[in-house]
Amino acid sequence: NLRHDDRKQAHVDARPFDVRAGDVTYTVQPLYRYEIRGLVVSRHDTSAWWDVLHRKDWNDHLNVADLCVIWGRNLRDDAYRALRYWSEVFTCNVGTDSDETWRRFDPDALSNNHLLASDPRLAKLLRGVRPGDQVAVGGFLAEYSHNAGREFRRGTSVVRTDRGNGACETVWVTDAKVLRAANRGWRLLLPLSLAGIALSVLLWWLA
């Protein structure tokens, strides 16, 4: 079980660079080195059909997934188990009906991470992460922009104590690992079950 906070950052003096994703050229400006290890409590799939902001309005194919991660005291005393988590297009939300539960929760040990990747291997890994997984992500806090169709620019938080709009971390990912996957057995059973259902339907149709 993950029981520690590894959110680290250090300022870097790096030039912006260009990358391509979805036939769009983006300019990425690294700001700080960034590493985070924690428990994923919620996620947003930016490629979801209903997320018209990322794909249609912003023409943003570089933000492959959003992961809401907690660590530190929230894990040590299991405070996180009594709360509800859900992600929307921009945000990670936390809720509870108990004042006592909220007092035990440390909001500074929660981070909503907008993850950028043009490497197909990294993008696939990040899109495959699910709530309950323990992850390690490394790279840079970064700003990014493009001029494809309309001018677009997105920044990042660089502190831990901010709230609301602009408080999420935007991360150019250079390395990512799933340290421990949740519900591995059920995940393996799901595709087998779907295949079994499809085979049953095919046999019924043939019969």
Foldseek 3Di string as FASTA:
>chain_A
DAAAWDWDKDFDDDDWDWDDDPNFIKTKDFGIWTKTWFFFAEKDQCPDPPNCCQCPVAVHRFQGMKTKGFHHQCPNVVLQVQWHWYDDPPDIDIDHPDPVSVVSDDQLRIAIEREGDPPPVVSVVRNPADGGWIKMWTAGQIKMWGPVVHTDIDHADDDRPDDDPRDHTYGHTDDMDGPGHPPVVVVVVVVVVVVVVVVVVVVVVVD
